[in-house]
Amino acid sequence: MGRVVKREDLPDLLSKLRAGGKTIVTTNGCFDILHVGHVRYLQKTKTFADVSIVCLNSDCSVKKIKGPDRPVNNENDRAEILCALSCVDYVVLFDESSPQNLLCEIKPDVHTKGADYTIDTLPEAKAILSNGGRVEFISFVEGKSTTSIIEKMRS
């Protein structure tokens, strides 16, 4: 079972993990209404390294990106749900629109993102590549999205 890590506690955690020879994979997102697409994405993410860290958009960040009606679930609930998944080792919240600064702090071996991005369109790609990491793109599960769930509930 995963746990939430405060951003200021990351340096100590990361040095312990690396001293133990562990590789680190990160991903990021809002993970507002968890669905099967999220679960499969996070399971695939975990296959790329020993330890998975989910960089989770805070409520403030989600509102900036998705609008005033989001998130549906607050950051503490979203973090707890992610930590309950066996494929998630750690969750760290961030307030910015992009996890770029956080990823510069973590310096993951691998970072995953949905296949709707490319290396040229991924805002955080430079942060990953310049720190010696690589990016893996994961295909979405067709028809599964938080937006489609919300639209279905409204109709």
Protein backbone atom coordinates (compact mmCIF):
# COMPACT_ATOMS: atom_id res chain seq x y z
CA MET A 1 0.00 0.00 0.00
CA GLY A 2 1.33 3.41 -0.99
CA ARG A 3 1.68 6.50 1.11
CA VAL A 4 1.46 10.24 0.65
CA VAL A 5 4.80 12.03 0.87
CA LYS A 6 5.15 15.74 1.55
CA ARG A 7 7.17 17.53 -1.07
CA GLU A 8 9.73 18.68 1.50
CA ASP A 9 10.30 15.03 2.54
CA LEU A 10 11.08 13.91 -1.02
CA PRO A 11 14.87 14.49 -0.97
CA ASP A 12 15.36 12.15 1.99
CA LEU A 13 13.05 9.49 0.53
CA LEU A 14 14.71 9.67 -2.89
CA SER A 15 18.22 9.37 -1.49
CA LYS A 16 17.19 6.27 0.53
CA LEU A 17 15.57 4.68 -2.52
CA ARG A 18 18.55 5.38 -4.76
CA ALA A 19 21.02 4.21 -2.10
CA GLY A 20 19.08 0.94 -2.14
CA GLY A 21 19.52 0.67 -5.90
CA LYS A 22 15.86 1.30 -6.70
CA THR A 23 14.72 2.73 -10.03
CA ILE A 24 11.93 5.31 -10.00
CA VAL A 25 9.03 5.87 -12.37
CA THR A 26 6.74 8.89 -12.15
CA THR A 27 3.49 9.89 -13.71
CA ASN A 28 1.19 12.80 -13.09
CA GLY A 29 -2.44 13.72 -13.32
CA CYS A 30 -5.64 14.74 -11.57
CA PHE A 31 -7.05 11.21 -11.13
CA ASP A 32 -10.34 12.82 -10.14
CA ILE A 33 -12.87 10.01 -10.59
CA LEU A 34 -10.79 6.84 -10.67
CA HIS A 35 -11.84 4.46 -13.44
CA VAL A 36 -10.49 1.36 -15.19
CA GLY A 37 -8.48 3.45 -17.63
CA HIS A 38 -6.62 5.04 -14.72
CA VAL A 39 -6.01 1.69 -13.05
CA ARG A 40 -4.60 0.07 -16.21
CA TYR A 41 -2.46 3.15 -16.86
CA LEU A 42 -1.04 3.08 -13.32
CA GLN A 43 -0.44 -0.69 -13.50
CA LYS A 44 1.50 -0.24 -16.74
CA THR A 45 3.44 2.68 -15.23
CA LYS A 46 4.63 0.45 -12.36
CA THR A 47 6.16 -2.03 -14.84
CA PHE A 48 8.85 0.48 -15.84
CA ALA A 49 10.68 0.70 -12.47
CA ASP A 50 10.95 -0.60 -8.92
CA VAL A 51 9.14 2.32 -7.30
CA SER A 52 6.23 4.37 -8.64
CA ILE A 53 5.53 7.95 -7.61
CA VAL A 54 2.30 9.64 -8.69
CA CYS A 55 2.58 13.42 -8.90
CA LEU A 56 -0.99 14.42 -8.09
CA ASN A 57 -2.47 17.80 -9.04
CA SER A 58 -3.74 19.56 -5.91
CA ASP A 59 -7.31 20.89 -5.83
CA CYS A 60 -6.01 24.36 -6.69
CA SER A 61 -4.10 22.97 -9.67
CA VAL A 62 -7.08 20.95 -10.93
CA LYS A 63 -9.31 24.05 -10.86
CA LYS A 64 -6.75 25.94 -12.96
CA ILE A 65 -6.67 23.17 -15.56
CA LYS A 66 -10.20 21.73 -15.56
CA GLY A 67 -12.33 24.67 -14.41
CA PRO A 68 -14.29 25.71 -11.31
CA ASP A 69 -16.45 22.56 -11.10
CA ARG A 70 -13.46 20.28 -10.67
CA PRO A 71 -12.17 18.34 -8.95
CA VAL A 72 -15.17 16.23 -8.00
CA ASN A 73 -13.13 14.51 -5.26
CA ASN A 74 -10.78 16.52 -3.05
CA GLU A 75 -7.01 16.03 -3.07
CA ASN A 76 -6.92 14.06 0.19
CA ASP A 77 -9.53 11.59 -1.05
CA ARG A 78 -7.84 11.26 -4.45
CA ALA A 79 -4.46 10.67 -2.80
CA GLU A 80 -5.88 8.04 -0.42
CA ILE A 81 -7.58 6.17 -3.25
CA LEU A 82 -4.35 6.13 -5.28
CA CYS A 83 -2.39 4.90 -2.27
CA ALA A 84 -4.79 1.95 -1.94
CA LEU A 85 -3.63 0.61 -5.33
CA SER A 86 -0.82 -1.93 -5.16
CA CYS A 87 0.84 -0.37 -8.22
CA VAL A 88 1.28 3.02 -6.49
CA ASP A 89 4.11 3.34 -3.99
CA TYR A 90 4.02 7.07 -3.27
CA VAL A 91 1.83 10.08 -4.01
CA VAL A 92 3.07 13.67 -3.84
CA LEU A 93 0.83 16.70 -4.39
CA PHE A 94 1.79 19.73 -6.43
CA ASP A 95 0.08 23.11 -6.87
CA GLU A 96 1.49 24.18 -10.24
CA SER A 97 -0.28 23.55 -13.55
CA SER A 98 2.66 21.41 -14.70
CA PRO A 99 4.71 18.94 -12.65
CA GLN A 100 7.89 20.18 -14.36
CA ASN A 101 9.52 21.63 -11.20
CA LEU A 102 8.57 18.60 -9.14
CA LEU A 103 10.01 16.26 -11.77
CA CYS A 104 13.27 18.24 -11.70
CA GLU A 105 13.37 17.51 -7.97
CA ILE A 106 12.58 13.80 -8.35
CA LYS A 107 14.72 13.12 -11.45
CA PRO A 108 12.91 9.88 -12.31
CA ASP A 109 14.49 7.14 -14.38
CA VAL A 110 11.22 6.94 -16.35
CA HIS A 111 8.16 9.17 -16.63
CA THR A 112 4.90 7.97 -18.17
CA LYS A 113 2.21 9.96 -19.90
CA GLY A 114 -0.84 9.21 -22.00
CA ALA A 115 -0.30 8.52 -25.68
CA ASP A 116 -2.25 11.65 -26.59
CA TYR A 117 1.10 13.39 -26.02
CA THR A 118 4.34 13.09 -27.95
CA ILE A 119 7.85 13.95 -26.85
CA ASP A 120 7.41 17.29 -28.67
CA THR A 121 4.07 18.20 -27.05
CA LEU A 122 4.77 16.99 -23.50
CA PRO A 123 5.51 20.09 -21.38
CA GLU A 124 7.61 18.17 -18.86
CA ALA A 125 9.70 16.25 -21.43
CA LYS A 126 12.66 18.61 -21.16
CA ALA A 127 12.75 18.22 -17.37
CA ILE A 128 12.83 14.43 -17.70
CA LEU A 129 15.33 14.18 -20.54
CA SER A 130 17.73 16.80 -19.17
CA ASN A 131 17.99 14.80 -15.94
CA GLY A 132 18.83 11.55 -17.73
CA GLY A 133 15.36 10.00 -17.68
CA ARG A 134 13.20 8.69 -20.48
CA VAL A 135 9.51 9.06 -21.31
CA GLU A 136 7.14 6.18 -22.01
CA PHE A 137 3.74 6.85 -23.58
CA ILE A 138 0.81 4.64 -22.58
CA SER A 139 -2.31 4.14 -24.71
CA PHE A 140 -5.66 5.01 -23.19
CA VAL A 141 -8.51 2.58 -22.69
CA GLU A 142 -11.02 3.58 -25.36
CA GLY A 143 -14.11 5.34 -24.03
CA LYS A 144 -12.87 5.61 -20.44
CA SER A 145 -12.36 9.11 -19.07
CA THR A 146 -13.42 11.23 -16.13
CA THR A 147 -15.00 13.72 -18.52
CA SER A 148 -17.14 10.99 -20.14
CA ILE A 149 -18.24 9.75 -16.70
CA ILE A 150 -19.29 13.28 -15.70
CA GLU A 151 -21.15 13.76 -18.99
CA LYS A 152 -22.97 10.45 -18.52
CA MET A 153 -24.02 11.46 -15.00
CA ARG A 154 -25.40 14.78 -16.30
CA SER A 155 -27.52 13.19 -19.04
